[in-house]
Amino acid sequence: MRRGHVPIRTCRGCGRKAPKQELIRLVLRQGRVIEDPEQTMDGRGAYCCADETCRQRFMRNRKLQKLAFRLQA
């Protein structure tokens, strides 16, 4: 990685762009969305702000989850 490079991710709850380290990574495991605090779990992940309202919006909206985790309809 280049020196000074900061990975940017988008919150799936509110759409805000932020450095990867400021966001919480969520992954799909056995049909349930769980947090990945170390950001090391296998598979596709989605990022949300630490703000509870963003996470709740993502968790309630099945359409956002389908897009984030590339689920079939």
PDB file of N, CA and C in Angstrom:
ATOM      1  N   MET A   1       0.824  -1.176   0.000  1.00  0.00           N
ATOM      2  CA  MET A   1       0.000   0.000   0.000  1.00  0.00           C
ATOM      3  C   MET A   1       0.874   1.246   0.000  1.00  0.00           C
ATOM      4  N   ARG A   2       0.394   2.252  -0.698  1.00  0.00           N
ATOM      5  CA  ARG A   2       1.125   3.515  -0.718  1.00  0.00           C
ATOM      6  C   ARG A   2       1.059   4.172   0.651  1.00  0.00           C
ATOM      7  N   ARG A   3       2.097   4.880   0.980  1.00  0.00           N
ATOM      8  CA  ARG A   3       2.111   5.610   2.235  1.00  0.00           C
ATOM      9  C   ARG A   3       1.076   6.726   2.165  1.00  0.00           C
ATOM     10  N   GLY A   4       0.290   6.872   3.206  1.00  0.00           N
ATOM     11  CA  GLY A   4      -0.699   7.925   3.258  1.00  0.00           C
ATOM     12  C   GLY A   4      -2.046   7.551   2.660  1.00  0.00           C
ATOM     13  N   HIS A   5      -2.147   6.368   2.067  1.00  0.00           N
ATOM     14  CA  HIS A   5      -3.419   5.937   1.488  1.00  0.00           C
ATOM     15  C   HIS A   5      -4.386   5.541   2.601  1.00  0.00           C
ATOM     16  N   VAL A   6      -5.605   6.080   2.548  1.00  0.00           N
ATOM     17  CA  VAL A   6      -6.632   5.750   3.529  1.00  0.00           C
ATOM     18  C   VAL A   6      -7.831   5.177   2.778  1.00  0.00           C
ATOM     19  N   PRO A   7      -8.173   3.894   3.008  1.00  0.00           N
ATOM     20  CA  PRO A   7      -9.331   3.309   2.328  1.00  0.00           C
ATOM     21  C   PRO A   7     -10.623   4.006   2.765  1.00  0.00           C
ATOM     22  N   ILE A   8     -11.442   4.366   1.802  1.00  0.00           N
ATOM     23  CA  ILE A   8     -12.717   5.030   2.060  1.00  0.00           C
ATOM     24  C   ILE A   8     -13.845   4.044   1.767  1.00  0.00           C
ATOM     25  N   ARG A   9     -14.841   3.987   2.663  1.00  0.00           N
ATOM     26  CA  ARG A   9     -16.008   3.133   2.481  1.00  0.00           C
ATOM     27  C   ARG A   9     -17.259   3.985   2.658  1.00  0.00           C
ATOM     28  N   THR A  10     -18.386   3.465   2.186  1.00  0.00           N
ATOM     29  CA  THR A  10     -19.660   4.172   2.271  1.00  0.00           C
ATOM     30  C   THR A  10     -20.579   3.473   3.262  1.00  0.00           C
ATOM     31  N   CYS A  11     -21.177   4.228   4.155  1.00  0.00           N
ATOM     32  CA  CYS A  11     -22.137   3.694   5.118  1.00  0.00           C
ATOM     33  C   CYS A  11     -23.384   3.258   4.364  1.00  0.00           C
ATOM     34  N   ARG A  12     -23.826   2.017   4.568  1.00  0.00           N
ATOM     35  CA  ARG A  12     -25.018   1.500   3.896  1.00  0.00           C
ATOM     36  C   ARG A  12     -26.301   2.004   4.540  1.00  0.00           C
ATOM     37  N   GLY A  13     -26.201   2.638   5.702  1.00  0.00           N
ATOM     38  CA  GLY A  13     -27.386   3.172   6.359  1.00  0.00           C
ATOM     39  C   GLY A  13     -27.712   4.591   5.933  1.00  0.00           C
ATOM     40  N   CYS A  14     -26.671   5.457   5.846  1.00  0.00           N
ATOM     41  CA  CYS A  14     -26.921   6.870   5.539  1.00  0.00           C
ATOM     42  C   CYS A  14     -26.236   7.355   4.268  1.00  0.00           C
ATOM     43  N   GLY A  15     -25.276   6.590   3.733  1.00  0.00           N
ATOM     44  CA  GLY A  15     -24.602   6.985   2.504  1.00  0.00           C
ATOM     45  C   GLY A  15     -23.376   7.859   2.699  1.00  0.00           C
ATOM     46  N   ARG A  16     -23.012   8.142   3.950  1.00  0.00           N
ATOM     47  CA  ARG A  16     -21.842   8.976   4.239  1.00  0.00           C
ATOM     48  C   ARG A  16     -20.564   8.206   3.930  1.00  0.00           C
ATOM     49  N   LYS A  17     -19.601   8.874   3.317  1.00  0.00           N
ATOM     50  CA  LYS A  17     -18.299   8.271   3.042  1.00  0.00           C
ATOM     51  C   LYS A  17     -17.356   8.622   4.186  1.00  0.00           C
ATOM     52  N   ALA A  18     -16.590   7.609   4.617  1.00  0.00           N
ATOM     53  CA  ALA A  18     -15.680   7.808   5.747  1.00  0.00           C
ATOM     54  C   ALA A  18     -14.525   6.821   5.632  1.00  0.00           C
ATOM     55  N   PRO A  19     -13.418   7.101   6.334  1.00  0.00           N
ATOM     56  CA  PRO A  19     -12.328   6.125   6.364  1.00  0.00           C
ATOM     57  C   PRO A  19     -12.819   4.790   6.934  1.00  0.00           C
ATOM     58  N   LYS A  20     -12.294   3.719   6.389  1.00  0.00           N
ATOM     59  CA  LYS A  20     -12.708   2.359   6.761  1.00  0.00           C
ATOM     60  C   LYS A  20     -12.655   2.136   8.275  1.00  0.00           C
ATOM     61  N   GLN A  21     -11.647   2.676   8.937  1.00  0.00           N
ATOM     62  CA  GLN A  21     -11.469   2.464  10.373  1.00  0.00           C
ATOM     63  C   GLN A  21     -12.564   3.113  11.215  1.00  0.00           C
ATOM     64  N   GLU A  22     -13.271   4.110  10.667  1.00  0.00           N
ATOM     65  CA  GLU A  22     -14.330   4.788  11.417  1.00  0.00           C
ATOM     66  C   GLU A  22     -15.664   4.064  11.315  1.00  0.00           C
ATOM     67  N   LEU A  23     -15.774   3.106  10.406  1.00  0.00           N
ATOM     68  CA  LEU A  23     -17.035   2.409  10.181  1.00  0.00           C
ATOM     69  C   LEU A  23     -16.995   1.002  10.761  1.00  0.00           C
ATOM     70  N   ILE A  24     -18.163   0.441  10.986  1.00  0.00           N
ATOM     71  CA  ILE A  24     -18.293  -0.919  11.499  1.00  0.00           C
ATOM     72  C   ILE A  24     -18.615  -1.838  10.334  1.00  0.00           C
ATOM     73  N   ARG A  25     -17.882  -2.936  10.220  1.00  0.00           N
ATOM     74  CA  ARG A  25     -18.113  -3.894   9.135  1.00  0.00           C
ATOM     75  C   ARG A  25     -19.152  -4.911   9.583  1.00  0.00           C
ATOM     76  N   LEU A  26     -20.119  -5.163   8.709  1.00  0.00           N
ATOM     77  CA  LEU A  26     -21.162  -6.151   8.955  1.00  0.00           C
ATOM     78  C   LEU A  26     -21.032  -7.253   7.917  1.00  0.00           C
ATOM     79  N   VAL A  27     -21.225  -8.501   8.332  1.00  0.00           N
ATOM     80  CA  VAL A  27     -21.162  -9.641   7.420  1.00  0.00           C
ATOM     81  C   VAL A  27     -22.395 -10.511   7.616  1.00  0.00           C
ATOM     82  N   LEU A  28     -22.683 -11.330   6.625  1.00  0.00           N
ATOM     83  CA  LEU A  28     -23.821 -12.239   6.678  1.00  0.00           C
ATOM     84  C   LEU A  28     -23.312 -13.628   7.052  1.00  0.00           C
ATOM     85  N   ARG A  29     -23.809 -14.176   8.165  1.00  0.00           N
ATOM     86  CA  ARG A  29     -23.427 -15.513   8.624  1.00  0.00           C
ATOM     87  C   ARG A  29     -24.691 -16.299   8.941  1.00  0.00           C
ATOM     88  N   GLN A  30     -24.889 -17.401   8.251  1.00  0.00           N
ATOM     89  CA  GLN A  30     -26.035 -18.282   8.458  1.00  0.00           C
ATOM     90  C   GLN A  30     -27.348 -17.507   8.441  1.00  0.00           C
ATOM     91  N   GLY A  31     -27.470 -16.590   7.492  1.00  0.00           N
ATOM     92  CA  GLY A  31     -28.694 -15.820   7.320  1.00  0.00           C
ATOM     93  C   GLY A  31     -28.872 -14.655   8.272  1.00  0.00           C
ATOM     94  N   ARG A  32     -27.899 -14.404   9.140  1.00  0.00           N
ATOM     95  CA  ARG A  32     -27.988 -13.298  10.092  1.00  0.00           C
ATOM     96  C   ARG A  32     -26.860 -12.310   9.844  1.00  0.00           C
ATOM     97  N   VAL A  33     -27.177 -11.034  10.006  1.00  0.00           N
ATOM     98  CA  VAL A  33     -26.168  -9.980   9.871  1.00  0.00           C
ATOM     99  C   VAL A  33     -25.509  -9.796  11.231  1.00  0.00           C
ATOM    100  N   ILE A  34     -24.170  -9.925  11.256  1.00  0.00           N
ATOM    101  CA  ILE A  34     -23.432  -9.753  12.506  1.00  0.00           C
ATOM    102  C   ILE A  34     -22.282  -8.772  12.292  1.00  0.00           C
ATOM    103  N   GLU A  35     -21.807  -8.195  13.397  1.00  0.00           N
ATOM    104  CA  GLU A  35     -20.674  -7.270  13.337  1.00  0.00           C
ATOM    105  C   GLU A  35     -19.371  -8.044  13.216  1.00  0.00           C
ATOM    106  N   ASP A  36     -18.426  -7.447  12.517  1.00  0.00           N
ATOM    107  CA  ASP A  36     -17.082  -8.004  12.365  1.00  0.00           C
ATOM    108  C   ASP A  36     -16.101  -6.961  12.910  1.00  0.00           C
ATOM    109  N   PRO A  37     -15.922  -6.909  14.237  1.00  0.00           N
ATOM    110  CA  PRO A  37     -15.109  -5.839  14.829  1.00  0.00           C
ATOM    111  C   PRO A  37     -13.655  -5.808  14.366  1.00  0.00           C
ATOM    112  N   GLU A  38     -13.065  -6.972  14.090  1.00  0.00           N
ATOM    113  CA  GLU A  38     -11.676  -6.997  13.630  1.00  0.00           C
ATOM    114  C   GLU A  38     -11.565  -6.823  12.120  1.00  0.00           C
ATOM    115  N   GLN A  39     -12.698  -6.836  11.424  1.00  0.00           N
ATOM    116  CA  GLN A  39     -12.767  -6.703   9.963  1.00  0.00           C
ATOM    117  C   GLN A  39     -11.920  -7.766   9.269  1.00  0.00           C
ATOM    118  N   THR A  40     -12.034  -9.023   9.751  1.00  0.00           N
ATOM    119  CA  THR A  40     -11.233 -10.111   9.198  1.00  0.00           C
ATOM    120  C   THR A  40     -12.055 -11.311   8.732  1.00  0.00           C
ATOM    121  N   MET A  41     -13.364 -11.306   8.945  1.00  0.00           N
ATOM    122  CA  MET A  41     -14.186 -12.453   8.552  1.00  0.00           C
ATOM    123  C   MET A  41     -14.228 -12.587   7.036  1.00  0.00           C
ATOM    124  N   ASP A  42     -14.363 -13.836   6.582  1.00  0.00           N
ATOM    125  CA  ASP A  42     -14.459 -14.107   5.152  1.00  0.00           C
ATOM    126  C   ASP A  42     -15.784 -13.588   4.601  1.00  0.00           C
ATOM    127  N   GLY A  43     -15.806 -13.404   3.300  1.00  0.00           N
ATOM    128  CA  GLY A  43     -17.046 -13.056   2.614  1.00  0.00           C
ATOM    129  C   GLY A  43     -17.241 -11.570   2.435  1.00  0.00           C
ATOM    130  N   ARG A  44     -18.320 -11.268   1.755  1.00  0.00           N
ATOM    131  CA  ARG A  44     -18.663  -9.888   1.447  1.00  0.00           C
ATOM    132  C   ARG A  44     -19.107  -9.170   2.710  1.00  0.00           C
ATOM    133  N   GLY A  45     -18.648  -7.962   2.863  1.00  0.00           N
ATOM    134  CA  GLY A  45     -19.028  -7.161   4.017  1.00  0.00           C
ATOM    135  C   GLY A  45     -19.688  -5.866   3.589  1.00  0.00           C
ATOM    136  N   ALA A  46     -20.418  -5.281   4.507  1.00  0.00           N
ATOM    137  CA  ALA A  46     -21.033  -3.974   4.307  1.00  0.00           C
ATOM    138  C   ALA A  46     -20.605  -3.107   5.491  1.00  0.00           C
ATOM    139  N   TYR A  47     -20.512  -1.824   5.274  1.00  0.00           N
ATOM    140  CA  TYR A  47     -20.042  -0.922   6.319  1.00  0.00           C
ATOM    141  C   TYR A  47     -21.154   0.025   6.741  1.00  0.00           C
ATOM    142  N   CYS A  48     -21.219   0.290   8.053  1.00  0.00           N
ATOM    143  CA  CYS A  48     -22.182   1.234   8.614  1.00  0.00           C
ATOM    144  C   CYS A  48     -21.470   2.123   9.625  1.00  0.00           C
ATOM    145  N   CYS A  49     -22.026   3.312   9.814  1.00  0.00           N
ATOM    146  CA  CYS A  49     -21.513   4.222  10.838  1.00  0.00           C
ATOM    147  C   CYS A  49     -21.698   3.577  12.212  1.00  0.00           C
ATOM    148  N   ALA A  50     -20.966   4.060  13.185  1.00  0.00           N
ATOM    149  CA  ALA A  50     -21.135   3.580  14.553  1.00  0.00           C
ATOM    150  C   ALA A  50     -22.459   4.068  15.135  1.00  0.00           C
ATOM    151  N   ASP A  51     -23.085   5.026  14.469  1.00  0.00           N
ATOM    152  CA  ASP A  51     -24.364   5.581  14.911  1.00  0.00           C
ATOM    153  C   ASP A  51     -25.447   4.504  14.862  1.00  0.00           C
ATOM    154  N   GLU A  52     -26.170   4.347  15.942  1.00  0.00           N
ATOM    155  CA  GLU A  52     -27.190   3.295  16.050  1.00  0.00           C
ATOM    156  C   GLU A  52     -28.306   3.457  15.015  1.00  0.00           C
ATOM    157  N   THR A  53     -28.664   4.693  14.658  1.00  0.00           N
ATOM    158  CA  THR A  53     -29.746   4.885  13.685  1.00  0.00           C
ATOM    159  C   THR A  53     -29.356   4.363  12.303  1.00  0.00           C
ATOM    160  N   CYS A  54     -28.099   4.506  11.922  1.00  0.00           N
ATOM    161  CA  CYS A  54     -27.643   3.976  10.627  1.00  0.00           C
ATOM    162  C   CYS A  54     -27.711   2.459  10.614  1.00  0.00           C
ATOM    163  N   ARG A  55     -27.244   1.844  11.692  1.00  0.00           N
ATOM    164  CA  ARG A  55     -27.277   0.376  11.762  1.00  0.00           C
ATOM    165  C   ARG A  55     -28.705  -0.138  11.770  1.00  0.00           C
ATOM    166  N   GLN A  56     -29.587   0.530  12.510  1.00  0.00           N
ATOM    167  CA  GLN A  56     -30.991   0.107  12.553  1.00  0.00           C
ATOM    168  C   GLN A  56     -31.636   0.228  11.175  1.00  0.00           C
ATOM    169  N   ARG A  57     -31.339   1.309  10.462  1.00  0.00           N
ATOM    170  CA  ARG A  57     -31.889   1.501   9.122  1.00  0.00           C
ATOM    171  C   ARG A  57     -31.442   0.369   8.200  1.00  0.00           C
ATOM    172  N   PHE A  58     -30.179   0.000   8.273  1.00  0.00           N
ATOM    173  CA  PHE A  58     -29.655  -1.084   7.444  1.00  0.00           C
ATOM    174  C   PHE A  58     -30.270  -2.424   7.843  1.00  0.00           C
ATOM    175  N   MET A  59     -30.388  -2.685   9.147  1.00  0.00           N
ATOM    176  CA  MET A  59     -30.906  -3.968   9.624  1.00  0.00           C
ATOM    177  C   MET A  59     -32.389  -4.149   9.292  1.00  0.00           C
ATOM    178  N   ARG A  60     -33.153  -3.065   9.288  1.00  0.00           N
ATOM    179  CA  ARG A  60     -34.591  -3.157   8.999  1.00  0.00           C
ATOM    180  C   ARG A  60     -34.886  -3.269   7.516  1.00  0.00           C
ATOM    181  N   ASN A  61     -34.013  -2.743   6.670  1.00  0.00           N
ATOM    182  CA  ASN A  61     -34.290  -2.658   5.239  1.00  0.00           C
ATOM    183  C   ASN A  61     -33.690  -3.849   4.495  1.00  0.00           C
ATOM    184  N   ARG A  62     -34.519  -4.820   4.175  1.00  0.00           N
ATOM    185  CA  ARG A  62     -34.067  -6.044   3.495  1.00  0.00           C
ATOM    186  C   ARG A  62     -33.492  -5.730   2.110  1.00  0.00           C
ATOM    187  N   LYS A  63     -34.031  -4.708   1.453  1.00  0.00           N
ATOM    188  CA  LYS A  63     -33.544  -4.346   0.119  1.00  0.00           C
ATOM    189  C   LYS A  63     -32.086  -3.868   0.181  1.00  0.00           C
ATOM    190  N   LEU A  64     -31.748  -3.073   1.187  1.00  0.00           N
ATOM    191  CA  LEU A  64     -30.359  -2.627   1.359  1.00  0.00           C
ATOM    192  C   LEU A  64     -29.440  -3.817   1.612  1.00  0.00           C
ATOM    193  N   GLN A  65     -29.907  -4.789   2.389  1.00  0.00           N
ATOM    194  CA  GLN A  65     -29.102  -5.978   2.671  1.00  0.00           C
ATOM    195  C   GLN A  65     -28.888  -6.805   1.412  1.00  0.00           C
ATOM    196  N   LYS A  66     -29.930  -6.948   0.594  1.00  0.00           N
ATOM    197  CA  LYS A  66     -29.796  -7.708  -0.653  1.00  0.00           C
ATOM    198  C   LYS A  66     -28.750  -7.071  -1.561  1.00  0.00           C
ATOM    199  N   LEU A  67     -28.768  -5.754  -1.654  1.00  0.00           N
ATOM    200  CA  LEU A  67     -27.786  -5.057  -2.484  1.00  0.00           C
ATOM    201  C   LEU A  67     -26.378  -5.186  -1.904  1.00  0.00           C
ATOM    202  N   ALA A  68     -26.255  -5.007  -0.604  1.00  0.00           N
ATOM    203  CA  ALA A  68     -24.939  -5.031   0.031  1.00  0.00           C
ATOM    204  C   ALA A  68     -24.293  -6.410  -0.027  1.00  0.00           C
ATOM    205  N   PHE A  69     -25.081  -7.447   0.188  1.00  0.00           N
ATOM    206  CA  PHE A  69     -24.532  -8.799   0.244  1.00  0.00           C
ATOM    207  C   PHE A  69     -24.760  -9.582  -1.044  1.00  0.00           C
ATOM    208  N   ARG A  70     -25.304  -8.911  -2.057  1.00  0.00           N
ATOM    209  CA  ARG A  70     -25.570  -9.524  -3.365  1.00  0.00           C
ATOM    210  C   ARG A  70     -26.384 -10.810  -3.246  1.00  0.00           C
ATOM    211  N   LEU A  71     -27.493 -10.705  -2.528  1.00  0.00           N
ATOM    212  CA  LEU A  71     -28.381 -11.849  -2.337  1.00  0.00           C
ATOM    213  C   LEU A  71     -29.344 -11.976  -3.504  1.00  0.00           C
ATOM    214  N   GLN A  72     -29.806 -13.179  -3.750  1.00  0.00           N
ATOM    215  CA  GLN A  72     -30.804 -13.419  -4.796  1.00  0.00           C
ATOM    216  C   GLN A  72     -32.184 -13.046  -4.260  1.00  0.00           C
ATOM    217  N   ALA A  73     -33.072 -12.651  -5.151  1.00  0.00           N
ATOM    218  CA  ALA A  73     -34.422 -12.223  -4.758  1.00  0.00           C
ATOM    219  C   ALA A  73     -35.258 -13.320  -4.222  1.00  0.00           C
TER     220      ALA A  73
END
